[in-house]
Amino acid sequence: MIGLLIAVGATGSPAAHAAVGGAGDCGPAATCYTPQQIQAAYGISPLLYAGIDGSGRTVVLPELAEQLINPPDVTDIRQDLAGFDRRNLLPPARLEVTTTFARGASPWLAYAEEMLDVEMVHAIAPGAAIRVVLLPASSVTTAAGLTAGLIDTLRLGMSSGDVISISEGVGESCLTGGQRARLHAALRAAAGRHVTVVASSGDTGPVANQCPSPFPLPNAAPIIEPDLPAADPLVLAVGGTSLSASQQTGAYIGETAWSLPGRNRGTDSLASGGGFSRVFARPAYQDGVPGVRRARAVPDVAADASGETGMALVVSEGGGEDSVLEASGTSAGAPLWAGLVADADQYAGRDLGLVNPGLYGIARGPRYHQAFHDVTSGSSAVTVVPVTYTGYPAGPGWDPATGWGSPDAQVLVPLLARGQG
C-alpha cells in the first residue's frame, strides 16, 4: 500500500487569456488583482503567449491533510480549481494528490493555504502538473514531525517533481542541530537531482515564527532569526511586497516592502520575513553582495504578499456557489516563484535545480533593472505584542526585506534558462 494517488483534469492546450481589466472583488477592505493582471505586472504574459507555461514540469506542494468539510474554511479543491479556471479562462489543472504520508486522509479536502498554493502555481504555470503531498497534523506541531514531513516531501519531489514550493516554516532555533543537518542533507540531495526548492521567508519580519510547545523552545520570547527551510542556502527564499499595478492593463506601477499593521490596536502585525542566519554561513553566491554579512541572508527575491493587493482566489462554498478571496502572505510569493521556475525549466528544456547562483549573477549584472523590479521603499517592521521591531528597510539592490526584488519574467526567465547570470 503506497497511499492514494489521484489525477484530475487533462493536459490541455496553452492557456487561454481572459481580458485583463477588472479587479477581483475581495470585499470592502481589499482590491484583488486577477491572475491576468498579476501575469502582466510580473512580465509573465509574453511567456504564456509564446507557449512557455510550465508544460512538462511538475510542481510539488506539501499541504496539511484535512478531515472535515466546512466550506469555505475547508473545501473540495476540485471545486475550487474548477471555479478558478472558469472565472479566468484557464485550462483544466493537472492536479495529483498523494496521501502516502497521511494515510486515511481525504485527498480532496483542502484548507485555504492549499487553495492559495495550487491556484497561484496554476496561474503562473498553467501547463504544469501540480502534485499535492498531504502531511499529517504532526508536521506542524512537533520538531520531529516538521523535519520528517519536509524530508518526506523532498524525497518524493526528487523522484516525481521538478520544483517544490514550501509555505510553512519555523525559526531556525526550533529544530535541533541534528534535525537541521538531516533537512540540509535532503535539500542537498534535491539540488543534486536538479530539483528547485522554493520557500516563503515568513510573515513576521525579522522575528522568527514562534515554536509551538512540543518544539525545543516552547513559548520562548521572540528571536531575531530567519525561518527554516527558507534560511537554508539550498533554498530560494521568497519575501513579500505590496504591489501596485494598473487596474485596466495590469501594467506594473511599483512595489514597497510588505509591512501590514495590525487591524486592531494591540494586535500583532505582519511583514516580509528576512534577516541573517544564526546557523548557516554565507553561501558563495552571496559573496560580495552589499548588505550581506558573514551569514546566509534572507530573502533572495520577493513578490506580492499584501492581502490588500493579492491575487483573486476562488473558494467553493458548496451548492455550486463560490466566492473570491485575496492571496496574502509570503506563502503567496513562494508558489508564484515556483511557477516561474517551472516556466524557466520548460524554456531551458531542462531542470535548472538550485537557481540561486544564476539569479544572483543576473542581479549583479548589467540587466538587473530589466530582469527585476528593485524594491527600494518600505520596511519589514512588525509588531509582536507588546514589542515593535523596526525590521529592515528596503533599498537599492539586495536588502533583507525584499531580496533582489520581484521578477520581470519576460527578461528574467530567458536569462536564467540560458545560464546568463
Protein backbone atom coordinates (compact mmCIF):
# COMPACT_ATOMS: atom_id res chain seq x y z
CA MET A 1 0.00 0.00 0.00
CA ILE A 2 1.73 3.20 -1.16
CA GLY A 3 -1.07 5.61 -0.48
CA LEU A 4 -3.61 7.16 -2.78
CA LEU A 5 -2.56 8.93 -5.97
CA ILE A 6 -5.37 10.51 -7.97
CA ALA A 7 -5.20 12.72 -11.06
CA VAL A 8 -7.83 15.18 -12.21
CA GLY A 9 -8.11 17.19 -15.41
CA ALA A 10 -6.16 16.86 -18.60
CA THR A 11 -3.02 18.27 -20.08
CA GLY A 12 -4.96 20.85 -22.06
CA SER A 13 -3.68 23.34 -24.56
CA PRO A 14 -1.79 26.55 -23.78
CA ALA A 15 -3.77 28.83 -21.52
CA ALA A 16 -6.49 30.98 -22.96
CA HIS A 17 -6.30 34.52 -21.65
CA ALA A 18 -9.20 36.48 -20.22
CA ALA A 19 -9.50 40.21 -20.59
CA VAL A 20 -7.07 41.90 -18.22
CA GLY A 21 -9.32 44.63 -16.90
CA GLY A 22 -11.47 44.28 -13.80
CA ALA A 23 -10.08 43.55 -10.37
CA GLY A 24 -11.41 40.73 -8.28
CA ASP A 25 -13.91 41.74 -5.61
CA CYS A 26 -12.36 40.78 -2.29
CA GLY A 27 -14.60 42.86 -0.08
CA PRO A 28 -14.56 46.45 1.10
CA ALA A 29 -11.07 46.35 2.63
CA ALA A 30 -9.19 44.89 -0.33
CA THR A 31 -8.93 45.03 -4.10
CA CYS A 32 -7.56 41.88 -5.68
CA TYR A 33 -5.73 41.57 -8.94
CA THR A 34 -6.91 38.98 -11.43
CA PRO A 35 -4.42 36.29 -12.47
CA GLN A 36 -4.07 38.11 -15.80
CA GLN A 37 -3.15 41.34 -14.01
CA ILE A 38 -0.52 39.52 -11.94
CA GLN A 39 0.81 37.91 -15.13
CA ALA A 40 1.05 41.33 -16.78
CA ALA A 41 2.62 43.08 -13.78
CA TYR A 42 5.38 40.49 -13.45
CA GLY A 43 6.09 40.10 -17.17
CA ILE A 44 4.69 36.57 -17.37
CA SER A 45 2.07 37.27 -20.06
CA PRO A 46 4.54 37.36 -23.01
CA LEU A 47 5.90 33.97 -21.95
CA LEU A 48 2.43 32.44 -21.79
CA TYR A 49 1.53 33.82 -25.21
CA ALA A 50 4.72 32.22 -26.54
CA GLY A 51 3.72 28.84 -25.09
CA ILE A 52 6.05 28.97 -22.08
CA ASP A 53 3.59 27.84 -19.42
CA GLY A 54 5.42 25.16 -17.42
CA SER A 55 4.34 22.31 -19.69
CA GLY A 56 6.17 19.08 -18.98
CA ARG A 57 7.05 20.16 -15.42
CA THR A 58 5.58 19.17 -12.06
CA VAL A 59 5.38 21.46 -9.02
CA VAL A 60 5.16 19.66 -5.67
CA LEU A 61 3.24 21.26 -2.78
CA PRO A 62 3.31 19.88 0.79
CA GLU A 63 -0.02 20.60 2.49
CA LEU A 64 -1.80 19.60 5.71
CA ALA A 65 -4.44 16.91 5.38
CA GLU A 66 -7.99 17.94 6.30
CA GLN A 67 -10.71 15.67 7.65
CA LEU A 68 -13.92 17.72 7.98
CA ILE A 69 -15.79 19.63 5.30
CA ASN A 70 -16.79 23.11 6.46
CA PRO A 71 -16.99 25.48 3.47
CA PRO A 72 -15.48 27.93 2.89
CA ASP A 73 -12.88 27.15 5.62
CA VAL A 74 -12.40 23.62 4.29
CA THR A 75 -13.46 22.95 0.71
CA ASP A 76 -13.13 20.48 -2.14
CA ILE A 77 -10.02 21.54 -4.05
CA ARG A 78 -11.52 20.20 -7.30
CA GLN A 79 -14.43 22.61 -7.00
CA ASP A 80 -12.14 25.49 -6.04
CA LEU A 81 -9.99 24.92 -9.12
CA ALA A 82 -12.98 24.48 -11.42
CA GLY A 83 -14.34 27.85 -10.32
CA PHE A 84 -10.90 29.47 -10.61
CA ASP A 85 -10.38 28.13 -14.11
CA ARG A 86 -13.89 29.07 -15.20
CA ARG A 87 -13.60 32.67 -13.99
CA ASN A 88 -10.15 33.15 -15.52
CA LEU A 89 -10.42 31.12 -18.75
CA LEU A 90 -7.58 28.84 -17.68
CA PRO A 91 -7.16 25.26 -18.90
CA PRO A 92 -8.09 22.44 -16.50
CA ALA A 93 -5.44 21.96 -13.86
CA ARG A 94 -3.42 18.73 -13.90
CA LEU A 95 -3.77 18.06 -10.18
CA GLU A 96 -2.50 14.99 -8.37
CA VAL A 97 -2.87 14.28 -4.64
CA THR A 98 -0.96 11.69 -2.65
CA THR A 99 -1.90 10.55 0.85
CA THR A 100 1.17 8.36 1.30
CA PHE A 101 2.23 10.23 4.43
CA ALA A 102 -1.28 10.94 5.76
CA ARG A 103 -2.98 7.58 5.37
CA GLY A 104 -6.73 7.64 5.52
CA ALA A 105 -6.95 11.36 4.76
CA SER A 106 -9.42 12.62 2.20
CA PRO A 107 -7.43 13.59 -0.91
CA TRP A 108 -9.74 16.41 -1.94
CA LEU A 109 -10.48 18.33 1.24
CA ALA A 110 -8.39 21.48 1.31
CA TYR A 111 -7.80 24.40 3.67
CA ALA A 112 -7.18 27.95 2.43
CA GLU A 113 -3.38 27.51 2.28
CA GLU A 114 -3.64 24.61 -0.14
CA MET A 115 -6.14 26.51 -2.27
CA LEU A 116 -3.78 29.52 -2.39
CA ASP A 117 -0.73 27.42 -3.33
CA VAL A 118 -2.49 25.42 -6.03
CA GLU A 119 -4.27 28.37 -7.67
CA MET A 120 -1.14 30.55 -7.63
CA VAL A 121 1.02 27.90 -9.29
CA HIS A 122 -1.71 27.26 -11.86
CA ALA A 123 -1.99 30.98 -12.66
CA ILE A 124 1.75 31.37 -13.28
CA ALA A 125 2.43 27.99 -14.93
CA PRO A 126 -0.96 26.82 -16.25
CA GLY A 127 0.62 24.00 -18.24
CA ALA A 128 2.48 22.48 -15.29
CA ALA A 129 1.24 19.48 -13.34
CA ILE A 130 0.67 20.07 -9.63
CA ARG A 131 1.29 17.33 -7.10
CA VAL A 132 -0.10 17.93 -3.60
CA VAL A 133 1.58 15.90 -0.87
CA LEU A 134 -0.73 15.63 2.14
CA LEU A 135 1.01 15.57 5.51
CA PRO A 136 -0.39 14.76 8.98
CA ALA A 137 -1.05 17.44 11.60
CA SER A 138 2.14 16.43 13.44
CA SER A 139 4.07 18.06 10.62
CA VAL A 140 3.43 21.48 12.18
CA THR A 141 3.10 20.58 15.86
CA THR A 142 6.43 18.91 16.64
CA ALA A 143 10.02 19.46 15.57
CA ALA A 144 10.39 15.81 14.63
CA GLY A 145 7.13 15.92 12.66
CA LEU A 146 8.15 19.04 10.75
CA THR A 147 11.56 17.61 9.90
CA ALA A 148 10.05 14.30 8.78
CA GLY A 149 7.33 16.00 6.73
CA LEU A 150 9.77 18.22 4.88
CA ILE A 151 12.20 15.36 4.23
CA ASP A 152 9.38 13.12 3.01
CA THR A 153 8.25 15.87 0.65
CA LEU A 154 11.77 16.43 -0.65
CA ARG A 155 12.30 12.74 -1.30
CA LEU A 156 9.02 12.40 -3.14
CA GLY A 157 9.69 15.60 -5.05
CA MET A 158 13.09 14.35 -6.15
CA SER A 159 11.51 11.29 -7.72
CA SER A 160 8.39 12.81 -9.22
CA GLY A 161 8.75 16.60 -9.41
CA ASP A 162 10.83 19.43 -10.81
CA VAL A 163 10.04 22.27 -8.38
CA ILE A 164 8.99 22.09 -4.71
CA SER A 165 7.19 25.03 -3.08
CA ILE A 166 7.02 25.21 0.72
CA SER A 167 4.88 27.75 2.55
CA GLU A 168 5.36 26.54 6.12
CA GLY A 169 8.32 27.45 8.30
CA VAL A 170 9.61 27.92 11.84
CA GLY A 171 12.58 29.69 13.38
CA GLU A 172 15.97 28.07 12.96
CA SER A 173 16.20 27.51 16.72
CA CYS A 174 13.04 25.41 16.71
CA LEU A 175 14.95 22.48 15.24
CA THR A 176 17.84 20.67 16.87
CA GLY A 177 21.23 20.62 15.20
CA GLY A 178 20.65 17.04 14.10
CA GLN A 179 17.27 17.87 12.59
CA ARG A 180 18.72 20.84 10.70
CA ALA A 181 21.54 18.60 9.40
CA ARG A 182 19.11 15.96 8.15
CA LEU A 183 16.98 18.58 6.43
CA HIS A 184 20.07 20.13 4.82
CA ALA A 185 21.19 16.71 3.59
CA ALA A 186 17.79 16.17 1.95
CA LEU A 187 18.00 19.61 0.32
CA ARG A 188 21.50 18.81 -0.93
CA ALA A 189 20.15 15.60 -2.47
CA ALA A 190 17.35 17.58 -4.16
CA ALA A 191 19.88 20.04 -5.58
CA GLY A 192 21.91 17.09 -6.83
CA ARG A 193 18.83 15.89 -8.73
CA HIS A 194 18.33 19.40 -10.20
CA VAL A 195 15.11 19.97 -8.27
CA THR A 196 14.44 23.60 -7.27
CA VAL A 197 13.17 24.16 -3.72
CA VAL A 198 11.33 27.43 -3.05
CA ALA A 199 10.13 28.56 0.40
CA SER A 200 8.38 31.59 1.86
CA SER A 201 10.51 33.72 4.18
CA GLY A 202 7.74 34.13 6.77
CA ASP A 203 5.27 36.82 7.74
CA THR A 204 6.78 38.20 10.95
CA GLY A 205 9.53 40.50 9.67
CA PRO A 206 12.89 39.97 11.40
CA VAL A 207 11.28 37.80 14.09
CA ALA A 208 11.16 34.05 13.60
CA ASN A 209 7.91 32.12 13.76
CA GLN A 210 7.49 31.07 17.37
CA CYS A 211 7.96 27.40 18.19
CA PRO A 212 4.81 25.51 19.22
CA SER A 213 5.07 23.94 22.65
CA PRO A 214 6.42 20.50 21.64
CA PHE A 215 9.44 22.14 19.98
CA PRO A 216 12.81 22.60 21.71
CA LEU A 217 11.98 26.20 22.67
CA PRO A 218 8.34 26.17 23.86
CA ASN A 219 6.75 29.58 24.33
CA ALA A 220 10.11 31.27 24.06
CA ALA A 221 10.46 35.03 23.71
CA PRO A 222 10.68 36.24 20.08
CA ILE A 223 14.03 35.51 18.45
CA ILE A 224 15.62 37.62 15.74
CA GLU A 225 16.43 35.00 13.13
CA PRO A 226 15.02 33.78 9.81
CA ASP A 227 12.76 30.78 9.38
CA LEU A 228 13.62 27.35 8.07
CA PRO A 229 13.59 25.99 5.46
CA ALA A 230 13.96 29.41 3.77
CA ALA A 231 17.19 30.14 5.66
CA ASP A 232 18.95 27.11 4.20
CA PRO A 233 21.34 28.22 1.41
CA LEU A 234 19.96 25.47 -0.85
CA VAL A 235 16.50 27.08 -0.86
CA LEU A 236 15.20 30.02 -2.89
CA ALA A 237 13.75 32.24 -0.13
CA VAL A 238 10.85 34.49 -1.15
CA GLY A 239 9.93 37.64 0.75
CA GLY A 240 6.91 39.88 0.41
CA THR A 241 5.93 43.17 -1.22
CA SER A 242 2.84 45.28 -1.69
CA LEU A 243 2.19 45.57 -5.42
CA SER A 244 0.72 48.46 -7.35
CA ALA A 245 -0.43 47.72 -10.90
CA SER A 246 -2.87 49.22 -13.39
CA GLN A 247 -6.44 48.05 -12.86
CA GLN A 248 -7.01 48.42 -16.60
CA THR A 249 -3.97 46.69 -18.11
CA GLY A 250 -2.14 45.08 -15.21
CA ALA A 251 0.95 47.12 -16.11
CA TYR A 252 3.48 47.34 -13.30
CA ILE A 253 3.48 50.63 -11.37
CA GLY A 254 5.60 49.94 -8.30
CA GLU A 255 6.10 48.00 -5.07
CA THR A 256 7.03 48.57 -1.47
CA ALA A 257 8.27 46.15 1.15
CA TRP A 258 5.30 44.42 2.75
CA SER A 259 4.52 45.53 6.30
CA LEU A 260 0.88 45.37 7.32
CA PRO A 261 -0.16 46.99 10.64
CA GLY A 262 -2.41 45.07 12.99
CA ARG A 263 -6.02 45.85 12.17
CA ASN A 264 -6.80 46.46 15.80
CA ARG A 265 -4.80 48.34 18.41
CA GLY A 266 -2.73 45.96 20.49
CA THR A 267 -2.64 43.15 17.93
CA ASP A 268 0.31 41.62 16.12
CA SER A 269 1.14 42.85 12.63
CA LEU A 270 2.60 41.18 9.55
CA ALA A 271 5.68 41.85 7.43
CA SER A 272 8.07 40.26 4.98
CA GLY A 273 10.32 37.79 6.79
CA GLY A 274 14.06 38.16 6.46
CA GLY A 275 17.37 38.66 8.16
CA PHE A 276 20.59 36.79 8.81
CA SER A 277 21.01 33.15 9.75
CA ARG A 278 22.34 32.14 13.14
CA VAL A 279 23.19 28.70 11.74
CA PHE A 280 24.32 28.85 8.10
CA ALA A 281 27.38 30.65 6.79
CA ARG A 282 27.13 32.96 3.83
CA PRO A 283 26.93 30.89 0.63
CA ALA A 284 29.32 31.64 -2.23
CA TYR A 285 26.57 33.15 -4.38
CA GLN A 286 26.11 35.89 -1.77
CA ASP A 287 29.81 36.76 -1.52
CA GLY A 288 30.43 40.42 -2.18
CA VAL A 289 26.76 41.41 -2.17
CA PRO A 290 26.42 44.80 -0.41
CA GLY A 291 24.39 44.45 2.78
CA VAL A 292 25.06 40.73 3.21
CA ARG A 293 27.02 39.79 6.32
CA ARG A 294 29.00 36.64 7.10
CA ALA A 295 25.84 34.56 7.44
CA ARG A 296 23.25 33.33 4.96
CA ALA A 297 20.98 36.31 4.24
CA VAL A 298 17.23 36.04 3.59
CA PRO A 299 15.22 36.57 1.38
CA ASP A 300 16.66 36.13 -2.11
CA VAL A 301 13.69 37.52 -4.06
CA ALA A 302 10.15 38.73 -3.41
CA ALA A 303 6.62 39.00 -4.77
CA ASP A 304 3.25 40.43 -3.79
CA ALA A 305 2.20 39.38 -0.28
CA SER A 306 -0.27 42.06 0.71
CA GLY A 307 -3.79 40.89 1.38
CA GLU A 308 -4.93 44.30 0.18
CA THR A 309 -3.41 43.78 -3.28
CA GLY A 310 -3.26 39.99 -3.60
CA MET A 311 -4.33 37.81 -6.48
CA ALA A 312 -8.02 36.91 -6.53
CA LEU A 313 -8.54 33.31 -5.37
CA VAL A 314 -11.72 31.31 -5.85
CA VAL A 315 -13.09 29.24 -2.99
CA SER A 316 -16.10 26.96 -3.29
CA GLU A 317 -18.91 27.38 -0.78
CA GLY A 318 -20.80 24.29 -1.92
CA GLY A 319 -24.00 24.03 -3.89
CA GLY A 320 -22.34 25.44 -6.98
CA GLU A 321 -21.59 28.75 -5.24
CA ASP A 322 -18.14 30.23 -4.85
CA SER A 323 -16.56 33.43 -3.58
CA VAL A 324 -13.40 35.41 -4.20
CA LEU A 325 -10.71 35.92 -1.58
CA GLU A 326 -7.33 37.62 -1.72
CA ALA A 327 -3.98 35.82 -1.70
CA SER A 328 -1.79 37.11 1.10
CA GLY A 329 1.48 36.49 2.93
CA THR A 330 4.84 35.33 1.68
CA SER A 331 3.13 31.98 1.19
CA ALA A 332 1.64 33.62 -1.92
CA GLY A 333 5.08 34.60 -3.19
CA ALA A 334 6.63 31.14 -2.88
CA PRO A 335 4.21 29.36 -5.27
CA LEU A 336 4.41 32.33 -7.66
CA TRP A 337 8.17 31.89 -7.90
CA ALA A 338 7.76 28.11 -8.07
CA GLY A 339 5.51 28.53 -11.10
CA LEU A 340 8.03 30.92 -12.60
CA VAL A 341 10.83 28.37 -12.19
CA ALA A 342 8.64 25.74 -13.87
CA ASP A 343 8.28 28.15 -16.81
CA ALA A 344 12.06 28.67 -16.85
CA ASP A 345 12.65 24.90 -16.77
CA GLN A 346 10.43 24.50 -19.83
CA TYR A 347 12.19 27.38 -21.59
CA ALA A 348 15.59 25.81 -20.85
CA GLY A 349 14.49 22.32 -21.83
CA ARG A 350 15.96 21.01 -18.58
CA ASP A 351 15.53 21.31 -14.83
CA LEU A 352 17.56 24.25 -13.53
CA GLY A 353 17.85 22.95 -9.96
CA LEU A 354 19.36 25.40 -7.49
CA VAL A 355 18.65 28.72 -9.23
CA ASN A 356 20.16 30.99 -6.58
CA PRO A 357 23.61 31.36 -8.19
CA GLY A 358 22.02 32.17 -11.54
CA LEU A 359 19.61 34.71 -10.05
CA TYR A 360 22.38 36.43 -8.10
CA GLY A 361 24.54 36.52 -11.22
CA ILE A 362 21.76 38.20 -13.19
CA ALA A 363 21.02 40.64 -10.36
CA ARG A 364 24.69 41.66 -10.16
CA GLY A 365 24.96 42.06 -13.91
CA PRO A 366 24.07 44.83 -16.37
CA ARG A 367 20.47 43.68 -16.87
CA TYR A 368 19.42 43.73 -13.23
CA HIS A 369 16.88 46.52 -13.63
CA GLN A 370 15.37 44.83 -16.67
CA ALA A 371 15.09 41.37 -15.09
CA PHE A 372 13.95 42.50 -11.62
CA HIS A 373 11.80 45.21 -10.09
CA ASP A 374 14.13 46.68 -7.47
CA VAL A 375 12.00 47.47 -4.41
CA THR A 376 13.52 50.47 -2.64
CA SER A 377 10.86 51.72 -0.22
CA GLY A 378 9.14 50.41 2.88
CA SER A 379 10.50 48.08 5.54
CA SER A 380 9.83 44.82 7.35
CA ALA A 381 8.78 46.50 10.59
CA VAL A 382 6.50 44.27 12.65
CA THR A 383 4.73 44.29 16.00
CA VAL A 384 4.75 41.17 18.14
CA VAL A 385 2.71 42.45 21.06
CA PRO A 386 3.83 44.29 23.07
CA VAL A 387 7.08 44.99 21.20
CA THR A 388 7.51 46.68 17.81
CA TYR A 389 10.59 45.60 15.84
CA THR A 390 11.92 48.06 13.29
CA GLY A 391 12.93 45.31 10.89
CA TYR A 392 14.99 46.03 7.81
CA PRO A 393 14.49 48.82 5.26
CA ALA A 394 14.16 48.15 1.56
CA GLY A 395 16.79 49.87 -0.54
CA PRO A 396 18.62 49.76 -3.88
CA GLY A 397 19.87 46.31 -4.80
CA TRP A 398 19.62 43.41 -2.38
CA ASP A 399 18.06 44.01 1.06
CA PRO A 400 16.82 41.81 3.95
CA ALA A 401 13.20 42.82 3.35
CA THR A 402 12.69 42.06 -0.37
CA GLY A 403 15.95 40.46 -1.54
CA TRP A 404 16.68 41.49 -5.12
CA GLY A 405 13.01 42.35 -5.65
CA SER A 406 10.26 40.89 -7.80
CA PRO A 407 10.55 39.41 -11.31
CA ASP A 408 10.13 40.89 -14.74
CA ALA A 409 9.81 37.40 -16.14
CA GLN A 410 9.93 38.23 -19.85
CA VAL A 411 13.58 39.22 -19.33
CA LEU A 412 14.48 37.13 -16.29
CA VAL A 413 13.30 33.73 -17.49
CA PRO A 414 15.31 33.67 -20.76
CA LEU A 415 18.43 34.89 -18.95
CA LEU A 416 18.05 32.30 -16.21
CA ALA A 417 17.27 29.50 -18.65
CA ARG A 418 20.33 30.33 -20.77
CA GLY A 419 22.61 30.50 -17.76
CA GLN A 420 23.41 34.13 -18.37
CA GLY A 421 23.79 35.02 -14.71
